[in-house]
Amino acid sequence: MISNLASISSETTIGSDVKIGPFTTIHEDVKIGARTIIHSNVSIYPGTRIGEDCEIFPGAVIGVIPQDLKFDGEYTTVEIGNNTTIRECVTIHRGTKDRLATRIGNNCLLMTYVHVAHDCQIGNNVILASYVGLSGHVTIDDFAILEGTVVAQQFVHIGAHAFVGGASLIRKDVPPFIKAAREPLTYAGVNSVGIRRRGFSDDQVREIEDIYRILYVQNNNVSKGIASILETIPDSDIRKHILGFIDTSDKGIIRGLN
């Protein structure tokens, strides 16, 4: 059902069984997948692509141009996957020439007042709690969770299955599988509860714990910790994942406990 009080451009592509509430505005060059629900008072701007079975709540603003002074009107998009929920007053901005798109994956939950700035790349099954603010170019991998009022600096990378405690400031990269909290943001252990819920075996959890014990508890120097991991932890997909994340970190990873 599409309300006759909604304002929808004739150049919008709308899938089957989509519901759109009153006083919502949808501009040209927008695509909305089947069975998506868009509540009242939502604003969706050109270049927005929304997948199937999503739900977008009142006050959300999606696809506006970025708050980047380098933006020069280049054609960019916002791309949202399937089965993603966007709650009240979330704002999501288009990309710039850096990545050309702001992307949010499948099965994500963005709670009230979340802001996703230009060129952010958010994976699948990510949860951003209320008032999370992502600066431009932030990358968040699958299954990461950011608690309320977390703020991420430009270009930081948050690894898969990471958990960041509420009211944290993210200035450096957060490796996969860990919990992070305190100020400045610090390693606070392995996210063992979360990864077990997602099917990781006890052996896999122990391997992750062993790697981060070497890196964060036994060694203050990252390069020394990596050398010890390579010597003592057998090669595996988990080891490759963690060390690959660290190796490609431009900003460096968060600190360990002192």
Protein backbone atom coordinates (compact mmCIF):
# COMPACT_ATOMS: atom_id res chain seq x y z
CA MET A 1 0.00 0.00 0.00
CA ILE A 2 1.33 3.42 -0.99
CA SER A 3 -0.29 6.42 0.66
CA ASN A 4 -1.73 9.03 -1.69
CA LEU A 5 -0.23 11.60 0.71
CA ALA A 6 3.31 10.49 -0.14
CA SER A 7 5.31 12.44 -2.74
CA ILE A 8 7.00 9.98 -5.10
CA SER A 9 8.87 10.83 -8.29
CA SER A 10 7.72 9.11 -11.46
CA GLU A 11 11.39 8.18 -11.98
CA THR A 12 11.46 5.98 -8.89
CA THR A 13 11.55 2.18 -9.24
CA ILE A 14 9.42 0.45 -6.62
CA GLY A 15 9.27 -3.34 -6.15
CA SER A 16 6.22 -5.43 -5.42
CA ASP A 17 4.32 -5.20 -2.13
CA VAL A 18 6.18 -2.10 -0.96
CA LYS A 19 4.41 0.01 1.68
CA ILE A 20 4.99 3.77 1.84
CA GLY A 21 3.41 5.97 4.51
CA PRO A 22 2.02 9.50 4.28
CA PHE A 23 4.20 12.58 3.98
CA THR A 24 7.20 10.57 2.82
CA THR A 25 9.17 12.10 -0.05
CA ILE A 26 11.00 9.92 -2.55
CA HIS A 27 13.00 11.68 -5.26
CA GLU A 28 13.99 10.52 -8.74
CA ASP A 29 16.68 7.86 -9.34
CA VAL A 30 15.68 5.78 -6.31
CA LYS A 31 15.18 2.01 -6.32
CA ILE A 32 13.25 0.21 -3.57
CA GLY A 33 13.15 -3.58 -3.33
CA ALA A 34 10.13 -5.80 -2.83
CA ARG A 35 8.25 -5.90 0.47
CA THR A 36 10.15 -2.99 1.96
CA ILE A 37 8.19 -0.83 4.41
CA ILE A 38 8.79 2.92 4.50
CA HIS A 39 6.94 4.71 7.27
CA SER A 40 5.67 8.30 7.24
CA ASN A 41 7.89 11.38 7.06
CA VAL A 42 10.90 9.67 5.47
CA SER A 43 13.03 11.53 2.92
CA ILE A 44 14.89 9.51 0.27
CA TYR A 45 17.12 11.38 -2.18
CA PRO A 46 18.49 10.57 -5.66
CA GLY A 47 21.03 7.80 -5.95
CA THR A 48 19.55 5.66 -3.17
CA ARG A 49 19.25 1.90 -3.62
CA ILE A 50 17.28 -0.02 -0.98
CA GLY A 51 17.02 -3.81 -0.99
CA GLU A 52 14.15 -6.16 -0.25
CA ASP A 53 12.36 -6.64 3.09
CA CYS A 54 13.81 -3.51 4.68
CA GLU A 55 11.97 -1.26 7.11
CA ILE A 56 12.61 2.46 7.44
CA PHE A 57 11.05 4.43 10.27
CA PRO A 58 9.82 8.06 10.49
CA GLY A 59 12.30 10.89 10.24
CA ALA A 60 15.02 8.95 8.41
CA VAL A 61 16.90 10.90 5.72
CA ILE A 62 18.76 8.80 3.16
CA GLY A 63 20.87 9.77 0.16
CA VAL A 64 21.50 13.47 0.75
CA ILE A 65 24.76 14.89 -0.56
CA PRO A 66 27.78 14.49 1.74
CA GLN A 67 29.03 17.01 4.25
CA ASP A 68 32.42 17.07 2.54
CA LEU A 69 33.80 20.31 1.13
CA LYS A 70 35.67 18.31 -1.53
CA PHE A 71 32.40 16.99 -2.95
CA ASP A 72 31.98 18.47 -6.42
CA GLY A 73 28.62 17.10 -7.51
CA GLU A 74 29.97 13.75 -8.77
CA TYR A 75 27.42 10.97 -9.23
CA THR A 76 27.44 8.77 -6.14
CA THR A 77 25.01 6.49 -4.35
CA VAL A 78 23.75 5.02 -1.09
CA GLU A 79 23.33 1.24 -1.32
CA ILE A 80 21.40 -0.66 1.36
CA GLY A 81 21.09 -4.45 1.35
CA ASN A 82 18.18 -6.74 2.17
CA ASN A 83 16.36 -7.12 5.47
CA THR A 84 17.96 -4.06 7.03
CA THR A 85 16.11 -1.94 9.59
CA ILE A 86 16.65 1.82 9.83
CA ARG A 87 15.04 3.38 12.86
CA GLU A 88 13.80 6.91 13.56
CA CYS A 89 15.86 9.93 12.46
CA VAL A 90 18.80 8.00 11.01
CA THR A 91 20.83 9.96 8.43
CA ILE A 92 22.82 8.29 5.66
CA HIS A 93 24.81 10.39 3.17
CA ARG A 94 25.89 9.61 -0.38
CA GLY A 95 29.48 8.78 -1.21
CA THR A 96 32.15 10.94 -2.82
CA LYS A 97 34.70 10.25 -5.54
CA ASP A 98 36.76 8.35 -2.96
CA ARG A 99 34.52 5.25 -2.92
CA LEU A 100 31.55 6.49 -5.00
CA ALA A 101 29.06 4.85 -2.66
CA THR A 102 28.04 4.59 0.96
CA ARG A 103 27.14 0.94 1.54
CA ILE A 104 25.18 -0.87 4.23
CA GLY A 105 24.84 -4.64 3.99
CA ASN A 106 22.14 -7.20 4.69
CA ASN A 107 20.43 -7.84 8.02
CA CYS A 108 21.72 -4.69 9.68
CA LEU A 109 20.06 -2.66 12.43
CA LEU A 110 20.64 1.08 12.68
CA MET A 111 18.92 2.40 15.81
CA THR A 112 17.59 5.90 16.42
CA TYR A 113 19.67 8.95 15.47
CA VAL A 114 22.56 7.00 13.94
CA HIS A 115 24.59 9.02 11.43
CA VAL A 116 26.44 7.29 8.58
CA ALA A 117 28.62 9.74 6.69
CA HIS A 118 29.87 9.60 3.12
CA ASP A 119 31.78 6.57 1.81
CA CYS A 120 31.22 4.39 4.87
CA GLN A 121 31.27 0.67 4.10
CA ILE A 122 29.19 -1.40 6.52
CA GLY A 123 29.04 -5.18 6.21
CA ASN A 124 26.28 -7.67 6.97
CA ASN A 125 24.60 -8.28 10.33
CA VAL A 126 26.01 -5.09 11.85
CA ILE A 127 24.27 -3.34 14.76
CA LEU A 128 24.72 0.37 15.39
CA ALA A 129 22.95 1.42 18.58
CA SER A 130 21.34 4.81 19.15
CA TYR A 131 23.39 7.95 18.54
CA VAL A 132 26.34 6.19 16.92
CA GLY A 133 28.15 8.65 14.66
CA LEU A 134 30.37 7.46 11.80
CA SER A 135 32.61 10.00 10.12
CA GLY A 136 33.43 9.59 6.43
CA HIS A 137 35.20 6.53 4.99
CA VAL A 138 34.67 4.28 8.03
CA THR A 139 34.68 0.51 7.34
CA ILE A 140 32.78 -1.91 9.59
CA ASP A 141 33.03 -5.63 8.92
CA ASP A 142 30.33 -8.29 9.36
CA PHE A 143 28.69 -8.90 12.76
CA ALA A 144 30.31 -5.94 14.50
CA ILE A 145 28.29 -4.20 17.22
CA LEU A 146 28.72 -0.58 18.32
CA GLU A 147 26.87 0.38 21.48
CA GLY A 148 25.14 3.72 21.99
CA THR A 149 26.87 7.09 21.43
CA VAL A 150 30.01 5.55 19.95
CA VAL A 151 31.81 7.98 17.62
CA ALA A 152 34.24 6.81 14.93
CA GLN A 153 36.91 9.01 13.36
CA GLN A 154 37.39 9.13 9.58
CA PHE A 155 38.95 6.11 7.86
CA VAL A 156 38.94 3.79 10.89
CA HIS A 157 38.32 0.08 10.35
CA ILE A 158 36.31 -2.04 12.78
CA GLY A 159 36.83 -5.77 12.38
CA ALA A 160 34.32 -8.59 12.10
CA HIS A 161 32.59 -9.69 15.32
CA ALA A 162 34.09 -6.78 17.26
CA PHE A 163 32.11 -5.23 20.11
CA VAL A 164 32.67 -1.59 21.06
CA GLY A 165 31.35 -0.39 24.42
CA GLY A 166 29.02 2.60 24.72
CA ALA A 167 30.24 6.21 24.60
CA SER A 168 33.60 5.16 23.13
CA LEU A 169 35.70 7.29 20.77
CA ILE A 170 37.26 5.22 17.98
CA ARG A 171 40.49 6.81 16.73
CA LYS A 172 42.37 3.68 15.70
CA ASP A 173 41.39 0.41 14.06
CA VAL A 174 39.58 -2.22 16.16
CA PRO A 175 40.74 -5.77 15.32
CA PRO A 176 38.24 -8.60 14.72
CA PHE A 177 36.71 -10.75 17.48
CA ILE A 178 37.53 -8.42 20.38
CA LYS A 179 35.74 -6.22 22.88
CA ALA A 180 36.91 -2.63 23.20
CA ALA A 181 36.06 0.00 25.80
CA ARG A 182 37.50 2.73 28.08
CA GLU A 183 39.10 6.07 27.14
CA PRO A 184 41.34 6.00 25.24
CA LEU A 185 39.79 2.98 23.53
CA THR A 186 41.49 -0.16 24.79
CA TYR A 187 41.40 -3.92 24.25
CA ALA A 188 38.97 -5.39 26.82
CA GLY A 189 39.12 -9.08 25.97
CA VAL A 190 37.80 -11.41 23.29
CA ASN A 191 34.12 -11.21 22.33
CA SER A 192 33.75 -14.88 23.26
CA VAL A 193 30.03 -14.72 24.06
CA GLY A 194 29.21 -13.11 20.71
CA ILE A 195 31.28 -15.43 18.56
CA ARG A 196 30.01 -18.54 20.36
CA ARG A 197 26.46 -17.39 19.63
CA ARG A 198 27.44 -17.26 15.96
CA GLY A 199 28.68 -20.85 15.87
CA PHE A 200 32.38 -20.61 16.66
CA SER A 201 33.68 -23.75 18.33
CA ASP A 202 35.48 -23.84 21.68
CA ASP A 203 38.73 -24.60 19.85
CA GLN A 204 38.29 -21.56 17.63
CA VAL A 205 37.52 -19.34 20.62
CA ARG A 206 40.65 -20.62 22.42
CA GLU A 207 42.75 -19.91 19.34
CA ILE A 208 41.46 -16.33 19.18
CA GLU A 209 42.11 -15.91 22.91
CA ASP A 210 45.65 -17.28 22.52
CA ILE A 211 46.41 -14.87 19.68
CA TYR A 212 45.20 -11.81 21.56
CA ARG A 213 46.86 -12.92 24.80
CA ILE A 214 50.18 -12.85 22.95
CA LEU A 215 49.41 -9.60 21.21
CA TYR A 216 47.85 -7.59 24.01
CA VAL A 217 48.77 -9.21 27.33
CA GLN A 218 52.26 -10.63 26.88
CA ASN A 219 53.66 -8.02 24.51
CA ASN A 220 53.45 -4.23 24.42
CA ASN A 221 55.06 -4.09 20.99
CA VAL A 222 52.80 -5.07 18.05
CA SER A 223 55.63 -6.29 15.80
CA LYS A 224 57.05 -8.43 18.61
CA GLY A 225 53.59 -9.85 19.28
CA ILE A 226 53.06 -10.71 15.62
CA ALA A 227 56.43 -12.48 15.47
CA SER A 228 55.49 -14.54 18.52
CA ILE A 229 52.08 -15.41 17.03
CA LEU A 230 53.74 -16.64 13.83
CA GLU A 231 56.11 -18.79 15.87
CA THR A 232 53.64 -20.30 18.33
CA ILE A 233 50.15 -20.34 16.75
CA PRO A 234 49.61 -22.84 13.90
CA ASP A 235 48.52 -21.43 10.57
CA SER A 236 44.74 -21.19 10.20
CA ASP A 237 42.02 -19.05 8.66
CA ILE A 238 41.55 -17.27 11.98
CA ARG A 239 45.26 -16.45 12.28
CA LYS A 240 45.30 -15.21 8.70
CA HIS A 241 42.22 -13.07 9.33
CA ILE A 242 43.60 -11.37 12.42
CA LEU A 243 47.14 -10.83 11.13
CA GLY A 244 45.83 -9.72 7.74
CA PHE A 245 43.68 -7.09 9.45
CA ILE A 246 46.65 -5.79 11.42
CA ASP A 247 48.94 -5.82 8.36
CA THR A 248 46.53 -3.66 6.34
CA SER A 249 45.78 -1.21 9.15
CA ASP A 250 46.72 2.32 8.09
CA LYS A 251 45.90 3.98 11.41
CA GLY A 252 47.28 1.25 13.63
CA ILE A 253 45.24 -0.85 16.04
CA ILE A 254 43.90 0.17 19.44
CA ARG A 255 46.14 -0.17 22.47
CA GLY A 256 46.24 -3.00 24.97
CA LEU A 257 45.95 -2.93 28.73
CA ASN A 258 48.85 -1.27 30.51
